[in-house]
Amino acid sequence: LIASNESTIPYGQVAQVNLHKGLMRSTLELVNTGGAQNIKVQNIPNAEAQQAKALIEQKMSGVG
């Protein structure tokens, strides 16, 4: 049985992006300013997680 959960928050409600790196895989945590739960994306290859963090931070700052 495969299950999944999907959550979204606007870039304007992301306070910060935390990257928790493991040996080969990482977890991205999007800290929500809107009072809802933070979003965690787990088991991402380290290089992809770093790229995703940079992209999200770029969108948060309004560049790109």
N, C-alpha and C. Protein backbone atom coordinates (compact mmCIF):
# COMPACT_ATOMS: atom_id res chain seq x y z
N LEU A 1 0.85 -1.19 0.00
CA LEU A 1 0.00 0.00 0.00
C LEU A 1 0.88 1.24 0.00
N ILE A 2 0.63 2.12 -0.93
CA ILE A 2 1.39 3.36 -1.04
C ILE A 2 0.47 4.52 -0.71
N ALA A 3 0.95 5.39 0.17
CA ALA A 3 0.15 6.55 0.57
C ALA A 3 1.01 7.80 0.42
N SER A 4 0.34 8.93 0.26
CA SER A 4 1.07 10.19 0.20
C SER A 4 0.20 11.31 0.74
N ASN A 5 0.85 12.35 1.19
CA ASN A 5 0.17 13.56 1.64
C ASN A 5 0.70 14.71 0.82
N GLU A 6 -0.17 15.64 0.48
CA GLU A 6 0.25 16.81 -0.28
C GLU A 6 -0.21 18.06 0.44
N SER A 7 0.73 18.98 0.67
CA SER A 7 0.43 20.26 1.30
C SER A 7 1.12 21.36 0.52
N THR A 8 0.52 22.52 0.49
CA THR A 8 1.14 23.67 -0.17
C THR A 8 1.00 24.90 0.71
N ILE A 9 1.98 25.79 0.59
CA ILE A 9 1.90 27.10 1.23
C ILE A 9 2.48 28.12 0.25
N PRO A 10 1.95 29.34 0.23
CA PRO A 10 2.50 30.37 -0.65
C PRO A 10 3.92 30.75 -0.22
N TYR A 11 4.74 31.17 -1.19
CA TYR A 11 6.11 31.59 -0.87
C TYR A 11 6.11 32.68 0.20
N GLY A 12 5.11 33.55 0.18
CA GLY A 12 5.04 34.64 1.15
C GLY A 12 4.83 34.18 2.58
N GLN A 13 4.42 32.94 2.77
CA GLN A 13 4.22 32.41 4.11
C GLN A 13 5.35 31.49 4.55
N VAL A 14 6.40 31.40 3.75
CA VAL A 14 7.57 30.60 4.14
C VAL A 14 8.54 31.53 4.86
N ALA A 15 8.75 31.28 6.15
CA ALA A 15 9.66 32.11 6.95
C ALA A 15 11.11 31.75 6.68
N GLN A 16 11.38 30.47 6.54
CA GLN A 16 12.73 30.01 6.27
C GLN A 16 12.70 28.59 5.75
N VAL A 17 13.82 28.20 5.16
CA VAL A 17 13.97 26.84 4.64
C VAL A 17 15.14 26.21 5.37
N ASN A 18 14.90 25.12 6.06
CA ASN A 18 15.96 24.41 6.77
C ASN A 18 16.33 23.16 5.98
N LEU A 19 17.62 22.91 5.88
CA LEU A 19 18.13 21.73 5.19
C LEU A 19 18.83 20.86 6.21
N HIS A 20 18.32 19.65 6.41
CA HIS A 20 18.91 18.69 7.33
C HIS A 20 19.57 17.60 6.49
N LYS A 21 20.91 17.66 6.40
CA LYS A 21 21.64 16.75 5.52
C LYS A 21 22.07 15.49 6.27
N GLY A 22 21.85 14.37 5.60
CA GLY A 22 22.39 13.11 6.06
C GLY A 22 23.59 12.75 5.21
N LEU A 23 24.02 11.51 5.30
CA LEU A 23 25.17 11.07 4.54
C LEU A 23 24.91 11.15 3.04
N MET A 24 23.73 10.70 2.60
CA MET A 24 23.40 10.72 1.17
C MET A 24 22.07 11.38 0.87
N ARG A 25 21.22 11.51 1.87
CA ARG A 25 19.86 12.04 1.68
C ARG A 25 19.61 13.15 2.68
N SER A 26 18.68 14.02 2.31
CA SER A 26 18.37 15.19 3.13
C SER A 26 16.88 15.32 3.38
N THR A 27 16.55 16.16 4.35
CA THR A 27 15.17 16.57 4.61
C THR A 27 15.11 18.09 4.50
N LEU A 28 14.15 18.58 3.72
CA LEU A 28 13.88 20.02 3.63
C LEU A 28 12.70 20.32 4.54
N GLU A 29 12.82 21.35 5.34
CA GLU A 29 11.72 21.79 6.19
C GLU A 29 11.38 23.23 5.85
N LEU A 30 10.15 23.45 5.45
CA LEU A 30 9.66 24.80 5.16
C LEU A 30 8.92 25.30 6.39
N VAL A 31 9.46 26.34 7.01
CA VAL A 31 8.87 26.89 8.23
C VAL A 31 7.79 27.88 7.82
N ASN A 32 6.58 27.64 8.29
CA ASN A 32 5.38 28.37 7.89
C ASN A 32 5.09 29.50 8.86
N THR A 33 4.90 30.71 8.33
CA THR A 33 4.52 31.85 9.18
C THR A 33 3.02 31.93 9.40
N GLY A 34 2.25 31.16 8.67
CA GLY A 34 0.79 31.25 8.71
C GLY A 34 0.12 30.49 9.83
N GLY A 35 0.89 29.89 10.73
CA GLY A 35 0.31 29.19 11.86
C GLY A 35 0.04 27.72 11.63
N ALA A 36 0.08 27.28 10.39
CA ALA A 36 -0.13 25.86 10.10
C ALA A 36 1.18 25.11 10.36
N GLN A 37 1.10 23.80 10.26
CA GLN A 37 2.30 22.98 10.47
C GLN A 37 3.35 23.28 9.42
N ASN A 38 4.61 23.13 9.83
CA ASN A 38 5.70 23.22 8.87
C ASN A 38 5.62 22.04 7.92
N ILE A 39 6.21 22.20 6.75
CA ILE A 39 6.20 21.14 5.75
C ILE A 39 7.59 20.52 5.70
N LYS A 40 7.65 19.19 5.78
CA LYS A 40 8.92 18.47 5.68
C LYS A 40 8.87 17.57 4.45
N VAL A 41 9.93 17.66 3.66
CA VAL A 41 10.09 16.79 2.49
C VAL A 41 11.31 15.94 2.79
N GLN A 42 11.10 14.64 2.92
CA GLN A 42 12.17 13.75 3.37
C GLN A 42 12.71 12.89 2.23
N ASN A 43 13.92 12.39 2.48
CA ASN A 43 14.54 11.39 1.61
C ASN A 43 14.87 11.93 0.22
N ILE A 44 15.38 13.16 0.17
CA ILE A 44 15.78 13.80 -1.09
C ILE A 44 17.29 13.64 -1.23
N PRO A 45 17.78 13.25 -2.41
CA PRO A 45 19.24 13.21 -2.60
C PRO A 45 19.85 14.58 -2.24
N ASN A 46 21.00 14.58 -1.58
CA ASN A 46 21.60 15.81 -1.07
C ASN A 46 21.73 16.92 -2.11
N ALA A 47 22.22 16.60 -3.29
CA ALA A 47 22.41 17.64 -4.32
C ALA A 47 21.08 18.26 -4.74
N GLU A 48 20.05 17.44 -4.89
CA GLU A 48 18.73 17.95 -5.27
C GLU A 48 18.12 18.79 -4.15
N ALA A 49 18.34 18.39 -2.91
CA ALA A 49 17.82 19.15 -1.78
C ALA A 49 18.47 20.53 -1.72
N GLN A 50 19.77 20.59 -1.97
CA GLN A 50 20.47 21.88 -1.96
C GLN A 50 19.94 22.78 -3.07
N GLN A 51 19.70 22.22 -4.25
CA GLN A 51 19.15 22.99 -5.37
C GLN A 51 17.74 23.48 -5.04
N ALA A 52 16.92 22.62 -4.45
CA ALA A 52 15.55 22.99 -4.10
C ALA A 52 15.55 24.12 -3.07
N LYS A 53 16.43 24.03 -2.07
CA LYS A 53 16.53 25.07 -1.05
C LYS A 53 16.89 26.41 -1.70
N ALA A 54 17.87 26.40 -2.59
CA ALA A 54 18.29 27.64 -3.26
C ALA A 54 17.15 28.22 -4.10
N LEU A 55 16.43 27.37 -4.80
CA LEU A 55 15.32 27.82 -5.64
C LEU A 55 14.20 28.43 -4.80
N ILE A 56 13.85 27.77 -3.71
CA ILE A 56 12.79 28.28 -2.83
C ILE A 56 13.20 29.62 -2.23
N GLU A 57 14.45 29.72 -1.77
CA GLU A 57 14.91 30.98 -1.20
C GLU A 57 14.93 32.09 -2.24
N GLN A 58 15.26 31.74 -3.48
CA GLN A 58 15.24 32.72 -4.57
C GLN A 58 13.81 33.22 -4.80
N LYS A 59 12.85 32.31 -4.81
CA LYS A 59 11.44 32.69 -5.00
C LYS A 59 10.95 33.53 -3.81
N MET A 60 11.40 33.19 -2.61
CA MET A 60 11.00 33.94 -1.42
C MET A 60 11.47 35.39 -1.49
N SER A 61 12.65 35.60 -2.06
CA SER A 61 13.21 36.96 -2.13
C SER A 61 12.68 37.74 -3.32
N GLY A 62 11.88 37.08 -4.16
CA GLY A 62 11.28 37.76 -5.30
C GLY A 62 12.18 37.85 -6.52
N VAL A 63 13.31 37.15 -6.49
CA VAL A 63 14.24 37.14 -7.62
C VAL A 63 13.95 35.90 -8.44
N GLY A 64 13.78 36.07 -9.74
CA GLY A 64 13.57 34.91 -10.62
C GLY A 64 12.17 34.59 -10.71
